[in-house]
Every structure is written in C-alpha cells, then in structure tokens.
Amino acid sequence: MRHRTVRDARYRYIKNFTPEAPFFSPNAYKAKQYPVWNHMQQLHAEAKLNAVQEVLCQPGYPPRNSATSKLTPTKSTTSPPRKNPNTRPR
C-alpha cells in the first residue's frame, strides 16, 4: 500500500495510490510474525468482527479521503525537525 497525507491544523487529506490493495494483502512476513494477522482473517471468514474491525478486511480503500481533524494529545500539528539527508556525519 502506498499513501500520502497532507494536513494542517484543521484538515487532513489522504491520497491512496493503491486503492485496489486490501489492508490484509498477502504478506508472508506478517502472516508468520504477527499472530493477529491470521486471527483477524479467520474472524472475518467466520463473520465475527464488529463494524470497526470489518473496515480492515474490506477489499480495497477509497482513492481519496479527507477529514476534519480534531487535535488530541497524541496528534500534534508540528512535526519534529527532519535531519537533512544530504549531510554526512563527521
């Protein structure tokens, strides 16, 4: 999956470049290393997921999504400063 996000203090826009790819795309590493990966797929097949959990098992995602964001303590409008990738350690 490939996503890009643009945000400001109030809005968040998400562009999905692979809307045809489901969240639970085949992934051998995750199937082996994350037990919940297989368990969620099993519960989906048995129709035992609630509506919120079922969103992860849909066949794809919308190509675009926009939302009004409400700031929470875990979300901030400022990102940490990025290091310049063109500089070399001395």
C-alpha atoms as a PDB file:
ATOM      1  CA  MET A   1       0.000   0.000   0.000  1.00  0.00           C
ATOM      2  CA  ARG A   2       1.166   3.483  -0.752  1.00  0.00           C
ATOM      3  CA  HIS A   3      -0.402   6.539   0.904  1.00  0.00           C
ATOM      4  CA  ARG A   4       0.444  10.220   1.140  1.00  0.00           C
ATOM      5  CA  THR A   5      -1.038  12.645   3.638  1.00  0.00           C
ATOM      6  CA  VAL A   6      -1.243  16.420   3.736  1.00  0.00           C
ATOM      7  CA  ARG A   7      -2.554  18.153   6.831  1.00  0.00           C
ATOM      8  CA  ASP A   8      -2.885  21.408   8.617  1.00  0.00           C
ATOM      9  CA  ALA A   9      -4.333  22.310  11.977  1.00  0.00           C
ATOM     10  CA  ARG A  10      -7.878  21.546  10.860  1.00  0.00           C
ATOM     11  CA  TYR A  11      -7.915  19.259   7.807  1.00  0.00           C
ATOM     12  CA  ARG A  12      -6.243  16.065   6.733  1.00  0.00           C
ATOM     13  CA  TYR A  13      -6.194  14.778   3.140  1.00  0.00           C
ATOM     14  CA  ILE A  14      -5.125  11.215   2.391  1.00  0.00           C
ATOM     15  CA  LYS A  15      -4.260  10.093  -1.136  1.00  0.00           C
ATOM     16  CA  ASN A  16      -4.227   6.340  -1.683  1.00  0.00           C
ATOM     17  CA  PHE A  17      -2.150   5.295  -4.696  1.00  0.00           C
ATOM     18  CA  THR A  18      -3.181   1.638  -4.408  1.00  0.00           C
ATOM     19  CA  PRO A  19      -6.950   1.615  -3.763  1.00  0.00           C
ATOM     20  CA  GLU A  20      -7.238  -1.927  -5.131  1.00  0.00           C
ATOM     21  CA  ALA A  21      -4.954  -3.343  -2.424  1.00  0.00           C
ATOM     22  CA  PRO A  22      -6.737  -4.514   0.735  1.00  0.00           C
ATOM     23  CA  PHE A  23      -5.276  -3.869   4.170  1.00  0.00           C
ATOM     24  CA  PHE A  24      -4.764  -7.608   4.631  1.00  0.00           C
ATOM     25  CA  SER A  25      -2.888  -8.103   1.358  1.00  0.00           C
ATOM     26  CA  PRO A  26      -0.938 -11.366   1.249  1.00  0.00           C
ATOM     27  CA  ASN A  27       2.255 -10.865   3.224  1.00  0.00           C
ATOM     28  CA  ALA A  28       4.300 -13.896   4.283  1.00  0.00           C
ATOM     29  CA  TYR A  29       6.314 -11.961   6.862  1.00  0.00           C
ATOM     30  CA  LYS A  30       3.272 -10.577   8.670  1.00  0.00           C
ATOM     31  CA  ALA A  31       1.454 -13.922   8.476  1.00  0.00           C
ATOM     32  CA  LYS A  32       4.401 -15.550  10.261  1.00  0.00           C
ATOM     33  CA  GLN A  33       5.402 -12.799  12.709  1.00  0.00           C
ATOM     34  CA  TYR A  34       2.052 -11.269  13.745  1.00  0.00           C
ATOM     35  CA  PRO A  35      -0.478 -13.776  15.127  1.00  0.00           C
ATOM     36  CA  VAL A  36      -3.291 -11.221  14.996  1.00  0.00           C
ATOM     37  CA  TRP A  37      -2.857 -11.011  11.197  1.00  0.00           C
ATOM     38  CA  ASN A  38      -4.149 -14.566  10.689  1.00  0.00           C
ATOM     39  CA  HIS A  39      -6.633 -14.340  13.541  1.00  0.00           C
ATOM     40  CA  MET A  40      -8.350 -11.282  12.028  1.00  0.00           C
ATOM     41  CA  GLN A  41      -8.687 -13.036   8.671  1.00  0.00           C
ATOM     42  CA  GLN A  42     -10.132 -16.097  10.391  1.00  0.00           C
ATOM     43  CA  LEU A  43     -12.662 -13.990  12.327  1.00  0.00           C
ATOM     44  CA  HIS A  44     -13.608 -12.180   9.112  1.00  0.00           C
ATOM     45  CA  ALA A  45     -14.273 -15.532   7.378  1.00  0.00           C
ATOM     46  CA  GLU A  46     -16.466 -16.550  10.340  1.00  0.00           C
ATOM     47  CA  ALA A  47     -18.289 -13.152  10.296  1.00  0.00           C
ATOM     48  CA  LYS A  48     -17.323 -12.461  13.924  1.00  0.00           C
ATOM     49  CA  LEU A  49     -15.894  -8.946  13.503  1.00  0.00           C
ATOM     50  CA  ASN A  50     -17.716  -5.778  14.507  1.00  0.00           C
ATOM     51  CA  ALA A  51     -18.192  -2.883  12.059  1.00  0.00           C
ATOM     52  CA  VAL A  52     -14.995  -1.081  13.105  1.00  0.00           C
ATOM     53  CA  GLN A  53     -12.872  -4.220  12.754  1.00  0.00           C
ATOM     54  CA  GLU A  54     -14.538  -5.147   9.463  1.00  0.00           C
ATOM     55  CA  VAL A  55     -13.159  -1.978   7.838  1.00  0.00           C
ATOM     56  CA  LEU A  56      -9.700  -3.582   7.853  1.00  0.00           C
ATOM     57  CA  CYS A  57     -10.990  -6.546   5.837  1.00  0.00           C
ATOM     58  CA  GLN A  58     -12.679  -4.675   3.011  1.00  0.00           C
ATOM     59  CA  PRO A  59     -11.385  -5.478  -0.491  1.00  0.00           C
ATOM     60  CA  GLY A  60      -9.882  -2.017  -1.018  1.00  0.00           C
ATOM     61  CA  TYR A  61      -9.720   1.560   0.212  1.00  0.00           C
ATOM     62  CA  PRO A  62     -11.064   4.756  -1.352  1.00  0.00           C
ATOM     63  CA  PRO A  63      -8.534   6.531  -3.598  1.00  0.00           C
ATOM     64  CA  ARG A  64      -9.028   9.813  -1.711  1.00  0.00           C
ATOM     65  CA  ASN A  65     -10.113  10.658   1.787  1.00  0.00           C
ATOM     66  CA  SER A  66     -10.430  13.962   3.565  1.00  0.00           C
ATOM     67  CA  ALA A  67     -11.474  14.678   7.101  1.00  0.00           C
ATOM     68  CA  THR A  68     -11.628  17.391   9.688  1.00  0.00           C
ATOM     69  CA  SER A  69      -9.064  16.544  12.298  1.00  0.00           C
ATOM     70  CA  LYS A  70      -9.533  17.243  15.956  1.00  0.00           C
ATOM     71  CA  LEU A  71      -6.321  17.614  17.846  1.00  0.00           C
ATOM     72  CA  THR A  72      -5.745  15.082  20.567  1.00  0.00           C
ATOM     73  CA  PRO A  73      -2.797  14.748  22.928  1.00  0.00           C
ATOM     74  CA  THR A  74      -1.338  12.070  20.626  1.00  0.00           C
ATOM     75  CA  LYS A  75      -1.690  14.206  17.485  1.00  0.00           C
ATOM     76  CA  SER A  76       0.097  17.468  17.110  1.00  0.00           C
ATOM     77  CA  THR A  77       0.256  19.966  14.296  1.00  0.00           C
ATOM     78  CA  THR A  78       4.017  20.179  14.443  1.00  0.00           C
ATOM     79  CA  SER A  79       6.399  17.500  13.304  1.00  0.00           C
ATOM     80  CA  PRO A  80       9.857  17.025  14.728  1.00  0.00           C
ATOM     81  CA  PRO A  81      12.559  18.711  12.667  1.00  0.00           C
ATOM     82  CA  ARG A  82      13.932  16.488   9.951  1.00  0.00           C
ATOM     83  CA  LYS A  83      17.603  15.896   9.508  1.00  0.00           C
ATOM     84  CA  ASN A  84      18.985  16.934   6.172  1.00  0.00           C
ATOM     85  CA  PRO A  85      19.587  13.670   4.237  1.00  0.00           C
ATOM     86  CA  ASN A  86      22.291  15.376   2.161  1.00  0.00           C
ATOM     87  CA  THR A  87      24.627  15.961   5.107  1.00  0.00           C
ATOM     88  CA  ARG A  88      27.150  13.352   6.128  1.00  0.00           C
ATOM     89  CA  PRO A  89      28.194  12.512   9.665  1.00  0.00           C
ATOM     90  CA  ARG A  90      31.616  13.849  10.569  1.00  0.00           C
END
